[in-house]
């Protein structure tokens, strides 16, 4: 694959995915964000996963991120304890979708698909676009995990604004996060495939 760039608001580039033969991404049924096929912590899109917790804001939640085999599948696993002390309350693994200050155009797809295994707790997917300028802003959708591998589809239409008025701009997504948030609990979630689907 290669990328085409075009300018959008705030001087941030949007990446439009095309095939090597130049066919538009619109013709592709999916785009793999991470198939867990590159050395840890690098995702299939070439960017590195990061573990982020509320300690950056004074909280005391803690977590780990590692890659290993879980129930027969190579997976990225986040574990830890979410605490509400000191106005905290989250841990997450996050991945940039574009390069540097780039965004990615996802308007050809319907949503996020992920293969997930967890401890039956609720987690979130958080999306950030070029319109998100504060750490607490995002577009969010919750999902429940099971103790066996499950494929989930999260439509873009079901993501809700959190502390931001601008609608979700699918032509300018910058970052995705898998998040344990909002209550004190032990987090244990694994991802073995993450993609956009049509």
Protein backbone atom coordinates (compact mmCIF):
# COMPACT_ATOMS: atom_id res chain seq x y z
CA UNK A 1 0.00 0.00 0.00
CA UNK A 2 0.98 3.62 -0.38
CA UNK A 3 -0.61 6.84 0.80
CA UNK A 4 -1.93 9.96 -0.84
CA UNK A 5 -2.04 13.18 1.17
CA UNK A 6 -4.27 16.22 0.97
CA UNK A 7 -4.44 19.30 3.15
CA UNK A 8 -7.24 19.73 5.65
CA UNK A 9 -8.08 22.11 8.50
CA UNK A 10 -5.31 23.27 10.84
CA UNK A 11 -2.58 22.27 8.44
CA UNK A 12 -2.79 18.59 9.32
CA UNK A 13 -2.54 16.15 6.42
CA UNK A 14 -5.15 13.45 5.88
CA UNK A 15 -3.95 10.08 4.64
CA UNK A 16 -6.11 8.30 2.09
CA UNK A 17 -5.22 4.60 1.85
CA UNK A 18 -4.90 3.12 -1.63
CA UNK A 19 -3.66 -0.21 -2.95
CA UNK A 20 -0.31 -0.55 -4.67
CA UNK A 21 -2.13 -0.54 -8.02
CA UNK A 22 -3.81 2.76 -7.18
CA UNK A 23 -7.32 1.43 -6.56
CA UNK A 24 -9.20 3.61 -4.07
CA UNK A 25 -9.61 2.44 -0.50
CA UNK A 26 -13.36 2.61 -1.07
CA UNK A 27 -13.04 -0.70 -2.94
CA UNK A 28 -11.37 -2.43 0.01
CA UNK A 29 -13.60 -4.32 2.51
CA UNK A 30 -11.30 -3.52 5.41
CA UNK A 31 -8.07 -1.85 6.46
CA UNK A 32 -5.92 -3.55 9.09
CA UNK A 33 -4.79 -1.18 11.84
CA UNK A 34 -3.00 -3.95 13.71
CA UNK A 35 -2.94 -7.64 12.92
CA UNK A 36 -0.33 -8.23 15.67
CA UNK A 37 2.18 -9.20 12.97
CA UNK A 38 5.13 -6.89 13.71
CA UNK A 39 7.65 -6.79 16.58
CA UNK A 40 6.22 -5.36 19.80
CA UNK A 41 5.18 -2.57 20.27
CA UNK A 42 4.85 -1.77 16.54
CA UNK A 43 1.41 -2.11 14.94
CA UNK A 44 0.72 -3.16 11.34
CA UNK A 45 0.34 0.51 10.38
CA UNK A 46 3.97 1.17 11.39
CA UNK A 47 3.26 3.18 14.53
CA UNK A 48 3.97 2.10 18.10
CA UNK A 49 1.40 1.31 20.78
CA UNK A 50 1.74 3.35 23.97
CA UNK A 51 0.54 2.59 27.50
CA UNK A 52 -0.99 5.71 29.07
CA UNK A 53 -2.48 6.08 32.54
CA UNK A 54 -3.98 8.80 34.70
CA UNK A 55 -0.59 9.29 36.39
CA UNK A 56 0.03 11.98 33.76
CA UNK A 57 -2.73 13.93 35.54
CA UNK A 58 -1.83 13.00 39.13
CA UNK A 59 -3.82 9.75 39.36
CA UNK A 60 -2.53 6.45 40.71
CA UNK A 61 -3.93 3.89 38.26
CA UNK A 62 -1.30 1.48 36.97
CA UNK A 63 -1.02 -0.93 34.09
CA UNK A 64 1.18 -3.04 31.83
CA UNK A 65 1.21 -3.72 28.10
CA UNK A 66 2.73 -6.85 26.61
CA UNK A 67 2.42 -9.14 23.62
CA UNK A 68 2.18 -12.91 23.95
CA UNK A 69 0.00 -15.91 23.11
CA UNK A 70 -3.41 -16.02 24.80
CA UNK A 71 -5.80 -18.90 24.14
CA UNK A 72 -3.90 -19.84 20.99
CA UNK A 73 -3.63 -16.35 19.49
CA UNK A 74 -0.84 -13.79 19.51
CA UNK A 75 -2.31 -10.75 21.19
CA UNK A 76 -1.62 -7.34 22.69
CA UNK A 77 -2.67 -7.43 26.34
CA UNK A 78 -3.37 -4.57 28.73
CA UNK A 79 -3.63 -5.37 32.43
CA UNK A 80 -3.78 -3.15 35.48
CA UNK A 81 -5.82 -1.57 38.22
CA UNK A 82 -7.98 1.49 37.63
CA UNK A 83 -8.23 3.77 40.66
CA UNK A 84 -10.43 6.83 41.20
CA UNK A 85 -8.04 8.32 43.74
CA UNK A 86 -6.59 11.80 43.09
CA UNK A 87 -9.27 12.43 40.46
CA UNK A 88 -7.89 9.65 38.29
CA UNK A 89 -9.67 6.74 36.70
CA UNK A 90 -8.15 5.24 33.53
CA UNK A 91 -5.47 3.21 31.83
CA UNK A 92 -5.27 2.77 28.07
CA UNK A 93 -3.23 1.51 25.17
CA UNK A 94 -3.21 4.06 22.35
CA UNK A 95 -2.02 4.11 18.76
CA UNK A 96 -1.52 6.95 16.30
CA UNK A 97 -3.32 6.28 13.02
CA UNK A 98 -1.39 8.66 10.80
CA UNK A 99 2.25 9.69 10.68
CA UNK A 100 3.65 12.57 12.73
CA UNK A 101 0.97 15.29 12.50
CA UNK A 102 -1.07 13.37 9.94
CA UNK A 103 -4.65 12.15 10.14
CA UNK A 104 -6.27 9.27 8.29
CA UNK A 105 -9.37 9.44 6.11
CA UNK A 106 -11.76 6.71 7.27
CA UNK A 107 -14.91 8.02 5.64
CA UNK A 108 -15.06 4.98 3.31
CA UNK A 109 -15.53 2.56 6.23
CA UNK A 110 -18.43 1.90 8.60
CA UNK A 111 -16.57 1.42 11.86
CA UNK A 112 -14.00 -0.38 13.99
CA UNK A 113 -13.75 -4.18 14.14
CA UNK A 114 -11.71 -5.90 16.83
CA UNK A 115 -11.02 -9.43 18.00
CA UNK A 116 -11.02 -9.19 21.77
CA UNK A 117 -10.77 -11.35 24.89
CA UNK A 118 -11.20 -10.04 28.41
CA UNK A 119 -12.38 -10.53 31.96
CA UNK A 120 -16.10 -9.80 31.28
CA UNK A 121 -15.65 -6.12 32.17
CA UNK A 122 -16.71 -3.11 30.09
CA UNK A 123 -14.10 -1.16 28.12
CA UNK A 124 -14.10 1.74 25.67
CA UNK A 125 -12.70 2.58 22.29
CA UNK A 126 -11.74 6.26 22.16
CA UNK A 127 -11.12 8.11 18.90
CA UNK A 128 -9.32 11.42 18.47
CA UNK A 129 -9.51 13.66 15.40
CA UNK A 130 -7.86 16.92 14.35
CA UNK A 131 -10.68 18.70 16.21
CA UNK A 132 -9.61 17.24 19.57
CA UNK A 133 -7.36 19.74 21.33
CA UNK A 134 -7.68 18.75 25.02
CA UNK A 135 -6.54 15.49 26.69
CA UNK A 136 -10.02 14.80 28.10
CA UNK A 137 -11.85 15.15 24.77
CA UNK A 138 -12.70 12.13 22.61
CA UNK A 139 -15.35 10.18 20.74
CA UNK A 140 -16.31 7.07 22.69
CA UNK A 141 -18.05 3.73 22.43
CA UNK A 142 -18.25 1.06 25.13
CA UNK A 143 -18.21 -2.73 24.75
CA UNK A 144 -18.28 -5.80 26.98
CA UNK A 145 -15.63 -8.50 26.87
CA UNK A 146 -15.95 -12.26 27.19
CA UNK A 147 -13.46 -14.85 28.40
CA UNK A 148 -13.15 -16.25 24.89
CA UNK A 149 -12.13 -14.60 21.65
CA UNK A 150 -14.98 -12.54 20.19
CA UNK A 151 -15.19 -10.37 17.07
CA UNK A 152 -16.93 -7.06 17.73
CA UNK A 153 -18.02 -4.35 15.31
CA UNK A 154 -18.34 -0.80 16.60
CA UNK A 155 -20.08 1.44 14.03
CA UNK A 156 -18.81 5.00 13.74
CA UNK A 157 -22.46 6.11 14.03
CA UNK A 158 -22.57 4.83 17.62
CA UNK A 159 -19.58 6.82 18.88
CA UNK A 160 -20.57 9.69 21.18
CA UNK A 161 -18.90 13.04 21.78
CA UNK A 162 -17.21 13.50 25.13
CA UNK A 163 -16.61 17.11 26.20
CA UNK A 164 -16.35 18.27 22.60
CA UNK A 165 -19.07 19.82 20.43
CA UNK A 166 -17.60 19.10 17.01
CA UNK A 167 -19.09 16.03 15.27
CA UNK A 168 -16.87 13.04 14.60
CA UNK A 169 -14.82 13.94 11.52
CA UNK A 170 -14.16 10.61 9.80
CA UNK A 171 -11.91 12.24 7.21
CA UNK A 172 -9.42 13.24 9.91
CA UNK A 173 -8.91 10.51 12.54
CA UNK A 174 -5.58 10.77 14.34
CA UNK A 175 -5.54 8.29 17.22
CA UNK A 176 -7.33 5.27 18.68
CA UNK A 177 -7.29 4.02 22.25
CA UNK A 178 -8.49 0.88 24.04
CA UNK A 179 -9.44 2.20 27.47
CA UNK A 180 -10.33 0.96 30.94
CA UNK A 181 -12.03 3.94 32.53
CA UNK A 182 -14.50 5.44 34.95
CA UNK A 183 -14.60 3.05 37.91
CA UNK A 184 -12.24 1.18 40.21
CA UNK A 185 -11.64 -2.31 38.79
CA UNK A 186 -8.99 -4.73 37.58
CA UNK A 187 -8.49 -4.45 33.83
CA UNK A 188 -7.45 -7.40 31.68
CA UNK A 189 -8.11 -7.09 27.96
CA UNK A 190 -6.38 -8.57 24.91
CA UNK A 191 -6.62 -7.57 21.24
CA UNK A 192 -5.57 -9.89 18.40
CA UNK A 193 -6.89 -7.94 15.41
CA UNK A 194 -7.97 -4.33 14.92
CA UNK A 195 -9.26 -2.91 11.65
CA UNK A 196 -11.69 -0.60 9.90
CA UNK A 197 -14.56 -2.46 8.22
CA UNK A 198 -17.03 -1.59 5.47
